[in-house]
C-alpha cells in the first residue's frame, strides 16, 4: 500500500481501551512520500505481558483467524488486517486492523438489543461469512479442528454439580432433569456435529456488540470482529446465541423466525445448496438446547451474575418456546 512512501510518524489518538486479555490503540499515521491508498489511521490490538515479560495470553485463535481464514472471505465482512503476529516467549501477539471508527458504529449499548433493521444487517452478514466456509474441504484439515465433544462434555457434570451447590434455587427439579436427559442423550445429539456435513466456521460469540454496522449514507457493510472463539460447528450456534440466549421472549417471538428466514435466503444467495429451511429450523433448536450449558460454564468461570443469570433464564424460556425438550425423546 505504501509504494515508495514510508510511515514518518505514529500518534496515539485516544487513551487505549484496556481489557482483561488485550489492549487496543487507535493510531494516526503520517507518511513521507506519496501513499494515496494507505489509511490515515489504524487499530492496534495487542496482548499483555506478565511481570516476567512473557505473554499473559496467546490469543492463538484470533491470530490464526486473521492469518488463515479472513483472507478467504470477501471484502467487507471483517475488518481488514494489515499485519498479524503470534505471541512468542518474549513478545505479545498483535493485530494491525482497519480503523472503522468513522464509517461504522456499534448498534446499541449493552445490554439493549438492536432495532429490527440492524438485526437484518447482522444476520445477512453472518450468512455471508458462514457461506464462505460452508463444507469447505480445508475444514478440519488445514483450517481448524473438527468438533471435539470429549473434553467439555466430560467436564460438564462436575461443573453442574458445583453450580447446584452454590446456587441451588436457580435449578429446580425440572431443570435438573433436563440437564440429566441432555447428558444422557448427548452421544445421539452430537451425531449432527460429527456428521461433518453442513458445517462451517462460526464466530462463537456473535452477539450484536461484536458487529460494526455501517453509518447511513455510505457504501459499507456490517463487519464482525473479535474472533477469539471461532471454531468449526453448525451455523445456528451463532444465531441461537444471538437470539435465543440474549433476547427476552416478546422480542424473540416477534423477530426470531423472520430473521431466520432472512438468514436462510442470504445463505442460499451466497451459494449454499442442499440445506433447506427445515434443516435450519432443526439445527437452531438443537443449538438452543445445547446453550443451557453455557450459563453454568459462565458462572463457574467467574463471569458476573448479571450476565449468566439473565442468560440462564432467557435460554430456558427459549428452550420451552421452541419445544427443544422434544429432541431428547
C-alpha atoms as a PDB file:
ATOM      1  CA  UNK A   1       0.000   0.000   0.000  1.00  0.00           C
ATOM      2  CA  UNK A   2       2.905   2.339   0.625  1.00  0.00           C
ATOM      3  CA  UNK A   3       4.798   2.024  -2.674  1.00  0.00           C
ATOM      4  CA  UNK A   4       7.778   4.314  -2.211  1.00  0.00           C
ATOM      5  CA  UNK A   5       6.313   6.095   0.797  1.00  0.00           C
ATOM      6  CA  UNK A   6       7.011   5.297   4.425  1.00  0.00           C
ATOM      7  CA  UNK A   7       5.359   5.954   7.769  1.00  0.00           C
ATOM      8  CA  UNK A   8       7.040   9.022   9.230  1.00  0.00           C
ATOM      9  CA  UNK A   9       5.083   9.433  12.466  1.00  0.00           C
ATOM     10  CA  UNK A  10       2.631   7.490  14.641  1.00  0.00           C
ATOM     11  CA  UNK A  11       0.440   9.115  17.280  1.00  0.00           C
ATOM     12  CA  UNK A  12      -1.997   7.559  19.713  1.00  0.00           C
ATOM     13  CA  UNK A  13      -5.347   9.262  19.088  1.00  0.00           C
ATOM     14  CA  UNK A  14      -7.094   8.347  22.353  1.00  0.00           C
ATOM     15  CA  UNK A  15      -6.369   6.532  25.625  1.00  0.00           C
ATOM     16  CA  UNK A  16      -6.066   2.785  24.970  1.00  0.00           C
ATOM     17  CA  UNK A  17      -9.031   0.536  25.587  1.00  0.00           C
ATOM     18  CA  UNK A  18      -7.748  -1.961  28.138  1.00  0.00           C
ATOM     19  CA  UNK A  19      -9.491  -5.313  28.582  1.00  0.00           C
ATOM     20  CA  UNK A  20      -8.659  -8.414  30.569  1.00  0.00           C
ATOM     21  CA  UNK A  21      -6.655 -10.071  27.802  1.00  0.00           C
ATOM     22  CA  UNK A  22      -5.795  -7.251  25.412  1.00  0.00           C
ATOM     23  CA  UNK A  23      -5.462  -3.529  24.935  1.00  0.00           C
ATOM     24  CA  UNK A  24      -6.408  -1.593  21.834  1.00  0.00           C
ATOM     25  CA  UNK A  25      -4.960   1.626  20.426  1.00  0.00           C
ATOM     26  CA  UNK A  26      -6.279   3.900  17.703  1.00  0.00           C
ATOM     27  CA  UNK A  27      -3.237   5.235  15.859  1.00  0.00           C
ATOM     28  CA  UNK A  28      -2.934   8.174  13.471  1.00  0.00           C
ATOM     29  CA  UNK A  29      -0.329   7.704  10.747  1.00  0.00           C
ATOM     30  CA  UNK A  30       1.640  10.338   8.872  1.00  0.00           C
ATOM     31  CA  UNK A  31       3.530   9.469   5.700  1.00  0.00           C
ATOM     32  CA  UNK A  32       6.574  10.699   3.883  1.00  0.00           C
ATOM     33  CA  UNK A  33       6.101  10.395   0.134  1.00  0.00           C
ATOM     34  CA  UNK A  34       3.006   9.517  -1.866  1.00  0.00           C
ATOM     35  CA  UNK A  35       0.768   6.994  -0.070  1.00  0.00           C
ATOM     36  CA  UNK A  36      -2.644   7.682  -1.569  1.00  0.00           C
ATOM     37  CA  UNK A  37      -4.183   4.295  -0.715  1.00  0.00           C
ATOM     38  CA  UNK A  38      -2.727   3.959   2.760  1.00  0.00           C
ATOM     39  CA  UNK A  39      -5.034   4.514   5.750  1.00  0.00           C
ATOM     40  CA  UNK A  40      -4.834   7.677   7.831  1.00  0.00           C
ATOM     41  CA  UNK A  41      -5.445   5.655  10.982  1.00  0.00           C
ATOM     42  CA  UNK A  42      -5.342   2.018  12.111  1.00  0.00           C
ATOM     43  CA  UNK A  43      -6.318  -0.059  15.130  1.00  0.00           C
ATOM     44  CA  UNK A  44      -3.576  -1.878  17.016  1.00  0.00           C
ATOM     45  CA  UNK A  45      -4.884  -4.693  19.189  1.00  0.00           C
ATOM     46  CA  UNK A  46      -2.288  -6.491  21.266  1.00  0.00           C
ATOM     47  CA  UNK A  47      -1.887  -8.721  24.269  1.00  0.00           C
ATOM     48  CA  UNK A  48      -0.486  -8.086  27.741  1.00  0.00           C
ATOM     49  CA  UNK A  49       2.854  -9.191  29.121  1.00  0.00           C
ATOM     50  CA  UNK A  50       3.138 -10.557  32.636  1.00  0.00           C
ATOM     51  CA  UNK A  51       5.623  -9.344  35.229  1.00  0.00           C
ATOM     52  CA  UNK A  52       8.307 -11.576  33.764  1.00  0.00           C
ATOM     53  CA  UNK A  53       7.844 -10.188  30.258  1.00  0.00           C
ATOM     54  CA  UNK A  54       6.042 -13.225  28.856  1.00  0.00           C
ATOM     55  CA  UNK A  55       2.702 -13.141  27.037  1.00  0.00           C
ATOM     56  CA  UNK A  56      -0.121 -13.436  29.545  1.00  0.00           C
ATOM     57  CA  UNK A  57      -2.423 -14.835  26.852  1.00  0.00           C
ATOM     58  CA  UNK A  58      -1.514 -16.155  23.402  1.00  0.00           C
ATOM     59  CA  UNK A  59      -4.839 -15.465  21.604  1.00  0.00           C
ATOM     60  CA  UNK A  60      -3.927 -18.201  19.141  1.00  0.00           C
ATOM     61  CA  UNK A  61      -7.431 -18.445  17.698  1.00  0.00           C
ATOM     62  CA  UNK A  62      -7.797 -14.802  16.712  1.00  0.00           C
ATOM     63  CA  UNK A  63      -4.335 -14.537  15.232  1.00  0.00           C
ATOM     64  CA  UNK A  64      -4.928 -17.734  13.248  1.00  0.00           C
ATOM     65  CA  UNK A  65      -8.276 -16.371  12.076  1.00  0.00           C
ATOM     66  CA  UNK A  66      -6.732 -13.274  10.524  1.00  0.00           C
ATOM     67  CA  UNK A  67      -3.818 -15.264   9.153  1.00  0.00           C
ATOM     68  CA  UNK A  68      -5.661 -18.273   7.685  1.00  0.00           C
ATOM     69  CA  UNK A  69      -9.403 -17.596   7.445  1.00  0.00           C
ATOM     70  CA  UNK A  70     -10.064 -13.897   6.863  1.00  0.00           C
ATOM     71  CA  UNK A  71      -8.082 -13.793   3.575  1.00  0.00           C
ATOM     72  CA  UNK A  72     -10.608 -16.250   2.089  1.00  0.00           C
ATOM     73  CA  UNK A  73     -13.572 -14.023   2.950  1.00  0.00           C
ATOM     74  CA  UNK A  74     -14.999 -11.427   0.613  1.00  0.00           C
ATOM     75  CA  UNK A  75     -14.122  -7.822   1.365  1.00  0.00           C
ATOM     76  CA  UNK A  76     -16.386  -6.045   3.802  1.00  0.00           C
ATOM     77  CA  UNK A  77     -17.215  -8.886   6.212  1.00  0.00           C
ATOM     78  CA  UNK A  78     -14.488  -8.463   8.827  1.00  0.00           C
ATOM     79  CA  UNK A  79     -12.001  -5.652   9.456  1.00  0.00           C
ATOM     80  CA  UNK A  80      -9.112  -5.689   7.023  1.00  0.00           C
ATOM     81  CA  UNK A  81      -5.930  -6.938   8.682  1.00  0.00           C
ATOM     82  CA  UNK A  82      -2.650  -5.281   7.688  1.00  0.00           C
ATOM     83  CA  UNK A  83      -0.396  -7.300   9.969  1.00  0.00           C
ATOM     84  CA  UNK A  84      -0.712 -10.240  12.343  1.00  0.00           C
ATOM     85  CA  UNK A  85       1.900 -11.600  14.732  1.00  0.00           C
ATOM     86  CA  UNK A  86       1.568 -14.566  17.064  1.00  0.00           C
ATOM     87  CA  UNK A  87       2.856 -14.461  20.622  1.00  0.00           C
ATOM     88  CA  UNK A  88       6.387 -15.683  21.290  1.00  0.00           C
ATOM     89  CA  UNK A  89       8.227 -16.338  24.540  1.00  0.00           C
ATOM     90  CA  UNK A  90       9.025 -12.661  24.949  1.00  0.00           C
ATOM     91  CA  UNK A  91       6.585 -10.837  22.660  1.00  0.00           C
ATOM     92  CA  UNK A  92       2.860 -10.276  22.911  1.00  0.00           C
ATOM     93  CA  UNK A  93       0.639 -11.055  19.938  1.00  0.00           C
ATOM     94  CA  UNK A  94      -0.726  -8.188  17.903  1.00  0.00           C
ATOM     95  CA  UNK A  95      -3.155  -7.363  15.113  1.00  0.00           C
ATOM     96  CA  UNK A  96      -3.000  -4.246  12.972  1.00  0.00           C
ATOM     97  CA  UNK A  97      -6.548  -3.721  11.756  1.00  0.00           C
ATOM     98  CA  UNK A  98      -8.607  -1.390   9.633  1.00  0.00           C
ATOM     99  CA  UNK A  99      -9.995   1.547  11.605  1.00  0.00           C
ATOM    100  CA  UNK A 100     -13.793   1.539  11.226  1.00  0.00           C
ATOM    101  CA  UNK A 101     -14.467   4.366  13.687  1.00  0.00           C
ATOM    102  CA  UNK A 102     -15.567   6.915  11.096  1.00  0.00           C
ATOM    103  CA  UNK A 103     -17.523   4.549   8.836  1.00  0.00           C
ATOM    104  CA  UNK A 104     -19.220   2.198  11.309  1.00  0.00           C
ATOM    105  CA  UNK A 105     -20.867   2.137  14.722  1.00  0.00           C
ATOM    106  CA  UNK A 106     -21.961  -0.305  17.414  1.00  0.00           C
ATOM    107  CA  UNK A 107     -25.738  -0.631  17.145  1.00  0.00           C
ATOM    108  CA  UNK A 108     -26.593  -0.110  20.783  1.00  0.00           C
ATOM    109  CA  UNK A 109     -25.293  -0.043  24.311  1.00  0.00           C
ATOM    110  CA  UNK A 110     -25.128  -3.391  26.118  1.00  0.00           C
ATOM    111  CA  UNK A 111     -27.497  -4.992  27.021  1.00  0.00           C
ATOM    112  CA  UNK A 112     -30.071  -3.270  24.778  1.00  0.00           C
ATOM    113  CA  UNK A 113     -30.808  -5.217  21.565  1.00  0.00           C
ATOM    114  CA  UNK A 114     -30.545  -3.566  18.140  1.00  0.00           C
ATOM    115  CA  UNK A 115     -33.564  -2.420  16.179  1.00  0.00           C
ATOM    116  CA  UNK A 116     -35.026  -4.865  13.657  1.00  0.00           C
ATOM    117  CA  UNK A 117     -33.334  -3.249  10.651  1.00  0.00           C
ATOM    118  CA  UNK A 118     -29.926  -3.591  12.279  1.00  0.00           C
ATOM    119  CA  UNK A 119     -30.666  -7.213  13.172  1.00  0.00           C
ATOM    120  CA  UNK A 120     -31.373  -7.859   9.496  1.00  0.00           C
ATOM    121  CA  UNK A 121     -27.959  -6.459   8.572  1.00  0.00           C
ATOM    122  CA  UNK A 122     -26.342  -8.649  11.201  1.00  0.00           C
ATOM    123  CA  UNK A 123     -27.917 -11.946  10.103  1.00  0.00           C
ATOM    124  CA  UNK A 124     -27.170 -11.195   6.456  1.00  0.00           C
ATOM    125  CA  UNK A 125     -23.507 -10.605   7.320  1.00  0.00           C
ATOM    126  CA  UNK A 126     -23.437 -13.844   9.316  1.00  0.00           C
ATOM    127  CA  UNK A 127     -24.940 -15.722   6.375  1.00  0.00           C
ATOM    128  CA  UNK A 128     -22.242 -14.444   4.018  1.00  0.00           C
ATOM    129  CA  UNK A 129     -19.477 -15.382   6.456  1.00  0.00           C
ATOM    130  CA  UNK A 130     -20.916 -18.836   7.094  1.00  0.00           C
ATOM    131  CA  UNK A 131     -21.479 -19.441   3.384  1.00  0.00           C
ATOM    132  CA  UNK A 132     -17.863 -18.603   2.556  1.00  0.00           C
ATOM    133  CA  UNK A 133     -16.625 -21.593   4.577  1.00  0.00           C
ATOM    134  CA  UNK A 134     -19.647 -23.914   4.238  1.00  0.00           C
ATOM    135  CA  UNK A 135     -18.368 -27.506   3.905  1.00  0.00           C
ATOM    136  CA  UNK A 136     -15.030 -26.178   2.696  1.00  0.00           C
ATOM    137  CA  UNK A 137     -12.583 -29.072   2.098  1.00  0.00           C
ATOM    138  CA  UNK A 138      -9.965 -27.271   4.194  1.00  0.00           C
ATOM    139  CA  UNK A 139     -12.099 -27.540   7.339  1.00  0.00           C
ATOM    140  CA  UNK A 140     -10.529 -29.887   9.861  1.00  0.00           C
ATOM    141  CA  UNK A 141      -7.554 -30.444   7.538  1.00  0.00           C
ATOM    142  CA  UNK A 142      -5.594 -27.202   7.277  1.00  0.00           C
ATOM    143  CA  UNK A 143      -8.120 -24.912   8.979  1.00  0.00           C
ATOM    144  CA  UNK A 144      -9.429 -25.609  12.470  1.00  0.00           C
ATOM    145  CA  UNK A 145     -10.318 -28.909  14.083  1.00  0.00           C
ATOM    146  CA  UNK A 146     -13.479 -30.949  13.816  1.00  0.00           C
ATOM    147  CA  UNK A 147     -15.835 -30.600  16.777  1.00  0.00           C
ATOM    148  CA  UNK A 148     -14.436 -32.449  19.777  1.00  0.00           C
ATOM    149  CA  UNK A 149     -17.031 -33.085  22.460  1.00  0.00           C
ATOM    150  CA  UNK A 150     -14.976 -35.302  24.744  1.00  0.00           C
ATOM    151  CA  UNK A 151     -13.311 -32.653  26.909  1.00  0.00           C
ATOM    152  CA  UNK A 152     -16.099 -30.160  27.560  1.00  0.00           C
ATOM    153  CA  UNK A 153     -18.827 -32.771  27.815  1.00  0.00           C
ATOM    154  CA  UNK A 154     -16.813 -34.868  30.237  1.00  0.00           C
ATOM    155  CA  UNK A 155     -16.158 -31.866  32.453  1.00  0.00           C
ATOM    156  CA  UNK A 156     -19.704 -30.521  32.483  1.00  0.00           C
ATOM    157  CA  UNK A 157     -21.252 -32.828  35.142  1.00  0.00           C
ATOM    158  CA  UNK A 158     -18.716 -31.661  37.728  1.00  0.00           C
ATOM    159  CA  UNK A 159     -19.320 -28.012  36.772  1.00  0.00           C
ATOM    160  CA  UNK A 160     -23.067 -28.539  37.050  1.00  0.00           C
ATOM    161  CA  UNK A 161     -22.691 -30.121  40.492  1.00  0.00           C
ATOM    162  CA  UNK A 162     -20.652 -27.142  41.720  1.00  0.00           C
ATOM    163  CA  UNK A 163     -23.227 -24.774  40.279  1.00  0.00           C
ATOM    164  CA  UNK A 164     -26.088 -26.538  42.078  1.00  0.00           C
ATOM    165  CA  UNK A 165     -24.177 -26.491  45.355  1.00  0.00           C
ATOM    166  CA  UNK A 166     -23.607 -22.745  45.032  1.00  0.00           C
ATOM    167  CA  UNK A 167     -26.968 -21.731  43.529  1.00  0.00           C
ATOM    168  CA  UNK A 168     -29.455 -24.493  44.399  1.00  0.00           C
ATOM    169  CA  UNK A 169     -32.553 -22.395  43.800  1.00  0.00           C
ATOM    170  CA  UNK A 170     -31.521 -21.476  40.267  1.00  0.00           C
ATOM    171  CA  UNK A 171     -32.153 -25.029  39.065  1.00  0.00           C
ATOM    172  CA  UNK A 172     -35.415 -26.533  40.341  1.00  0.00           C
ATOM    173  CA  UNK A 173     -36.040 -30.274  39.785  1.00  0.00           C
ATOM    174  CA  UNK A 174     -37.477 -29.934  36.285  1.00  0.00           C
ATOM    175  CA  UNK A 175     -34.402 -28.027  35.074  1.00  0.00           C
ATOM    176  CA  UNK A 176     -32.041 -30.531  36.680  1.00  0.00           C
ATOM    177  CA  UNK A 177     -33.964 -33.302  34.950  1.00  0.00           C
ATOM    178  CA  UNK A 178     -33.478 -31.571  31.594  1.00  0.00           C
ATOM    179  CA  UNK A 179     -29.722 -31.411  32.146  1.00  0.00           C
ATOM    180  CA  UNK A 180     -29.698 -35.097  33.064  1.00  0.00           C
ATOM    181  CA  UNK A 181     -31.583 -36.029  29.905  1.00  0.00           C
ATOM    182  CA  UNK A 182     -29.316 -33.856  27.792  1.00  0.00           C
ATOM    183  CA  UNK A 183     -26.216 -35.573  29.133  1.00  0.00           C
ATOM    184  CA  UNK A 184     -27.802 -38.979  28.664  1.00  0.00           C
ATOM    185  CA  UNK A 185     -28.756 -38.251  25.058  1.00  0.00           C
ATOM    186  CA  UNK A 186     -25.558 -36.355  24.222  1.00  0.00           C
ATOM    187  CA  UNK A 187     -23.981 -39.108  22.045  1.00  0.00           C
ATOM    188  CA  UNK A 188     -27.041 -39.177  19.786  1.00  0.00           C
ATOM    189  CA  UNK A 189     -27.350 -35.389  19.608  1.00  0.00           C
ATOM    190  CA  UNK A 190     -23.672 -34.954  18.826  1.00  0.00           C
ATOM    191  CA  UNK A 191     -24.062 -37.099  15.730  1.00  0.00           C
ATOM    192  CA  UNK A 192     -25.239 -33.951  13.943  1.00  0.00           C
ATOM    193  CA  UNK A 193     -21.961 -32.192  14.737  1.00  0.00           C
ATOM    194  CA  UNK A 194     -19.890 -35.271  13.991  1.00  0.00           C
ATOM    195  CA  UNK A 195     -21.525 -35.768  10.590  1.00  0.00           C
ATOM    196  CA  UNK A 196     -19.048 -33.308   9.057  1.00  0.00           C
ATOM    197  CA  UNK A 197     -21.779 -32.085   6.723  1.00  0.00           C
ATOM    198  CA  UNK A 198     -23.318 -28.619   6.587  1.00  0.00           C
ATOM    199  CA  UNK A 199     -20.643 -27.273   8.914  1.00  0.00           C
ATOM    200  CA  UNK A 200     -18.759 -24.013   8.709  1.00  0.00           C
ATOM    201  CA  UNK A 201     -16.613 -21.534  10.612  1.00  0.00           C
ATOM    202  CA  UNK A 202     -18.631 -19.941  13.420  1.00  0.00           C
ATOM    203  CA  UNK A 203     -17.712 -16.904  15.474  1.00  0.00           C
ATOM    204  CA  UNK A 204     -18.623 -18.394  18.857  1.00  0.00           C
ATOM    205  CA  UNK A 205     -19.552 -15.064  20.494  1.00  0.00           C
ATOM    206  CA  UNK A 206     -21.754 -13.457  17.845  1.00  0.00           C
ATOM    207  CA  UNK A 207     -23.671 -11.011  19.979  1.00  0.00           C
ATOM    208  CA  UNK A 208     -24.779  -7.706  18.489  1.00  0.00           C
ATOM    209  CA  UNK A 209     -21.992  -5.717  20.189  1.00  0.00           C
ATOM    210  CA  UNK A 210     -19.352  -7.591  18.222  1.00  0.00           C
ATOM    211  CA  UNK A 211     -20.736  -6.162  14.975  1.00  0.00           C
ATOM    212  CA  UNK A 212     -19.790  -2.837  13.442  1.00  0.00           C
ATOM    213  CA  UNK A 213     -22.716  -1.538  11.393  1.00  0.00           C
ATOM    214  CA  UNK A 214     -22.296   0.928   8.510  1.00  0.00           C
ATOM    215  CA  UNK A 215     -23.174   4.550   9.093  1.00  0.00           C
ATOM    216  CA  UNK A 216     -26.062   5.800   6.924  1.00  0.00           C
ATOM    217  CA  UNK A 217     -25.206   7.232   3.549  1.00  0.00           C
ATOM    218  CA  UNK A 218     -22.129   5.144   2.857  1.00  0.00           C
ATOM    219  CA  UNK A 219     -21.411   2.009   0.820  1.00  0.00           C
ATOM    220  CA  UNK A 220     -20.086  -0.059   3.696  1.00  0.00           C
ATOM    221  CA  UNK A 221     -21.406  -3.358   5.072  1.00  0.00           C
ATOM    222  CA  UNK A 222     -21.628  -4.842   8.566  1.00  0.00           C
ATOM    223  CA  UNK A 223     -18.365  -6.236   9.932  1.00  0.00           C
ATOM    224  CA  UNK A 224     -17.867  -8.901  12.605  1.00  0.00           C
ATOM    225  CA  UNK A 225     -14.883  -8.517  14.934  1.00  0.00           C
ATOM    226  CA  UNK A 226     -13.278 -10.171  17.987  1.00  0.00           C
ATOM    227  CA  UNK A 227     -12.682 -13.666  16.578  1.00  0.00           C
ATOM    228  CA  UNK A 228     -11.149 -15.081  19.755  1.00  0.00           C
ATOM    229  CA  UNK A 229     -13.523 -18.082  19.981  1.00  0.00           C
ATOM    230  CA  UNK A 230     -14.064 -19.271  16.402  1.00  0.00           C
ATOM    231  CA  UNK A 231     -14.498 -22.956  15.684  1.00  0.00           C
ATOM    232  CA  UNK A 232     -15.967 -25.428  13.209  1.00  0.00           C
ATOM    233  CA  UNK A 233     -19.604 -26.126  14.027  1.00  0.00           C
ATOM    234  CA  UNK A 234     -23.169 -25.771  12.791  1.00  0.00           C
ATOM    235  CA  UNK A 235     -24.009 -22.231  11.757  1.00  0.00           C
ATOM    236  CA  UNK A 236     -27.039 -21.957  14.032  1.00  0.00           C
ATOM    237  CA  UNK A 237     -24.785 -21.944  17.093  1.00  0.00           C
ATOM    238  CA  UNK A 238     -24.116 -18.281  16.275  1.00  0.00           C
ATOM    239  CA  UNK A 239     -27.768 -17.484  15.569  1.00  0.00           C
ATOM    240  CA  UNK A 240     -29.130 -19.179  18.687  1.00  0.00           C
ATOM    241  CA  UNK A 241     -26.584 -17.430  20.878  1.00  0.00           C
ATOM    242  CA  UNK A 242     -27.557 -14.024  19.481  1.00  0.00           C
ATOM    243  CA  UNK A 243     -31.334 -14.524  19.757  1.00  0.00           C
ATOM    244  CA  UNK A 244     -32.346 -17.463  21.956  1.00  0.00           C
ATOM    245  CA  UNK A 245     -29.748 -16.731  24.622  1.00  0.00           C
ATOM    246  CA  UNK A 246     -29.758 -12.940  24.657  1.00  0.00           C
ATOM    247  CA  UNK A 247     -33.329 -11.873  23.888  1.00  0.00           C
ATOM    248  CA  UNK A 248     -36.381 -11.877  26.114  1.00  0.00           C
ATOM    249  CA  UNK A 249     -39.468 -13.769  24.875  1.00  0.00           C
ATOM    250  CA  UNK A 250     -41.571 -10.946  23.431  1.00  0.00           C
ATOM    251  CA  UNK A 251     -38.809  -9.665  21.182  1.00  0.00           C
ATOM    252  CA  UNK A 252     -37.646 -13.129  20.231  1.00  0.00           C
ATOM    253  CA  UNK A 253     -41.142 -14.296  19.289  1.00  0.00           C
ATOM    254  CA  UNK A 254     -41.610 -11.272  17.018  1.00  0.00           C
ATOM    255  CA  UNK A 255     -38.240 -11.308  15.262  1.00  0.00           C
ATOM    256  CA  UNK A 256     -36.757 -14.791  15.533  1.00  0.00           C
ATOM    257  CA  UNK A 257     -38.493 -16.549  12.630  1.00  0.00           C
ATOM    258  CA  UNK A 258     -38.402 -13.582  10.194  1.00  0.00           C
ATOM    259  CA  UNK A 259     -34.681 -13.216  10.862  1.00  0.00           C
ATOM    260  CA  UNK A 260     -34.109 -16.924  10.339  1.00  0.00           C
ATOM    261  CA  UNK A 261     -35.999 -16.610   7.036  1.00  0.00           C
ATOM    262  CA  UNK A 262     -33.775 -13.716   6.003  1.00  0.00           C
ATOM    263  CA  UNK A 263     -30.642 -15.575   7.089  1.00  0.00           C
ATOM    264  CA  UNK A 264     -31.622 -18.643   5.077  1.00  0.00           C
ATOM    265  CA  UNK A 265     -32.363 -16.576   1.969  1.00  0.00           C
ATOM    266  CA  UNK A 266     -28.964 -14.865   2.261  1.00  0.00           C
ATOM    267  CA  UNK A 267     -27.277 -18.234   2.757  1.00  0.00           C
ATOM    268  CA  UNK A 268     -28.835 -19.597  -0.433  1.00  0.00           C
ATOM    269  CA  UNK A 269     -27.995 -16.398  -2.334  1.00  0.00           C
ATOM    270  CA  UNK A 270     -24.370 -16.847  -1.258  1.00  0.00           C
ATOM    271  CA  UNK A 271     -24.149 -20.268  -2.907  1.00  0.00           C
ATOM    272  CA  UNK A 272     -25.070 -22.789  -0.218  1.00  0.00           C
ATOM    273  CA  UNK A 273     -27.158 -25.651  -1.618  1.00  0.00           C
ATOM    274  CA  UNK A 274     -28.915 -28.682  -0.137  1.00  0.00           C
ATOM    275  CA  UNK A 275     -29.707 -27.051   3.193  1.00  0.00           C
ATOM    276  CA  UNK A 276     -33.414 -26.312   3.316  1.00  0.00           C
ATOM    277  CA  UNK A 277     -35.351 -24.098   5.698  1.00  0.00           C
ATOM    278  CA  UNK A 278     -36.468 -27.055   7.817  1.00  0.00           C
ATOM    279  CA  UNK A 279     -32.846 -28.140   8.304  1.00  0.00           C
ATOM    280  CA  UNK A 280     -32.085 -24.637   9.566  1.00  0.00           C
ATOM    281  CA  UNK A 281     -35.017 -24.809  11.992  1.00  0.00           C
ATOM    282  CA  UNK A 282     -33.911 -28.224  13.279  1.00  0.00           C
ATOM    283  CA  UNK A 283     -30.339 -27.058  13.786  1.00  0.00           C
ATOM    284  CA  UNK A 284     -31.500 -23.889  15.513  1.00  0.00           C
ATOM    285  CA  UNK A 285     -33.493 -25.881  18.077  1.00  0.00           C
ATOM    286  CA  UNK A 286     -30.502 -28.146  18.683  1.00  0.00           C
ATOM    287  CA  UNK A 287     -28.175 -25.170  19.155  1.00  0.00           C
ATOM    288  CA  UNK A 288     -30.609 -23.592  21.620  1.00  0.00           C
ATOM    289  CA  UNK A 289     -30.811 -26.800  23.619  1.00  0.00           C
ATOM    290  CA  UNK A 290     -27.039 -27.064  23.993  1.00  0.00           C
ATOM    291  CA  UNK A 291     -26.919 -23.441  25.150  1.00  0.00           C
ATOM    292  CA  UNK A 292     -28.435 -24.318  28.519  1.00  0.00           C
ATOM    293  CA  UNK A 293     -24.897 -25.394  29.383  1.00  0.00           C
ATOM    294  CA  UNK A 294     -23.303 -22.027  28.728  1.00  0.00           C
ATOM    295  CA  UNK A 295     -24.624 -20.076  31.755  1.00  0.00           C
ATOM    296  CA  UNK A 296     -23.351 -22.840  34.015  1.00  0.00           C
ATOM    297  CA  UNK A 297     -19.892 -22.590  32.487  1.00  0.00           C
ATOM    298  CA  UNK A 298     -20.033 -18.797  32.714  1.00  0.00           C
ATOM    299  CA  UNK A 299     -20.896 -18.876  36.412  1.00  0.00           C
ATOM    300  CA  UNK A 300     -18.153 -21.382  37.194  1.00  0.00           C
ATOM    301  CA  UNK A 301     -15.603 -19.330  35.257  1.00  0.00           C
ATOM    302  CA  UNK A 302     -16.322 -16.213  37.295  1.00  0.00           C
ATOM    303  CA  UNK A 303     -18.483 -14.304  34.808  1.00  0.00           C
ATOM    304  CA  UNK A 304     -20.629 -11.722  36.616  1.00  0.00           C
ATOM    305  CA  UNK A 305     -24.026 -12.907  37.847  1.00  0.00           C
ATOM    306  CA  UNK A 306     -25.724 -10.073  35.962  1.00  0.00           C
ATOM    307  CA  UNK A 307     -24.590 -11.853  32.789  1.00  0.00           C
ATOM    308  CA  UNK A 308     -25.029 -15.544  33.478  1.00  0.00           C
ATOM    309  CA  UNK A 309     -28.288 -15.295  35.438  1.00  0.00           C
ATOM    310  CA  UNK A 310     -30.082 -13.410  32.666  1.00  0.00           C
ATOM    311  CA  UNK A 311     -28.629 -15.836  30.124  1.00  0.00           C
ATOM    312  CA  UNK A 312     -29.862 -18.782  32.179  1.00  0.00           C
ATOM    313  CA  UNK A 313     -33.421 -17.503  32.441  1.00  0.00           C
ATOM    314  CA  UNK A 314     -33.666 -16.432  28.806  1.00  0.00           C
ATOM    315  CA  UNK A 315     -32.329 -19.659  27.349  1.00  0.00           C
ATOM    316  CA  UNK A 316     -34.722 -21.799  29.390  1.00  0.00           C
ATOM    317  CA  UNK A 317     -37.619 -19.650  28.173  1.00  0.00           C
ATOM    318  CA  UNK A 318     -36.422 -20.105  24.597  1.00  0.00           C
ATOM    319  CA  UNK A 319     -35.997 -23.870  25.014  1.00  0.00           C
ATOM    320  CA  UNK A 320     -39.585 -24.045  26.258  1.00  0.00           C
ATOM    321  CA  UNK A 321     -40.935 -21.904  23.397  1.00  0.00           C
ATOM    322  CA  UNK A 322     -39.074 -23.903  20.752  1.00  0.00           C
ATOM    323  CA  UNK A 323     -40.017 -27.281  22.172  1.00  0.00           C
ATOM    324  CA  UNK A 324     -36.359 -28.293  22.401  1.00  0.00           C
ATOM    325  CA  UNK A 325     -37.086 -30.990  25.001  1.00  0.00           C
ATOM    326  CA  UNK A 326     -38.699 -32.993  22.194  1.00  0.00           C
ATOM    327  CA  UNK A 327     -35.196 -33.578  20.836  1.00  0.00           C
ATOM    328  CA  UNK A 328     -34.492 -35.695  23.926  1.00  0.00           C
ATOM    329  CA  UNK A 329     -37.374 -38.147  23.405  1.00  0.00           C
END
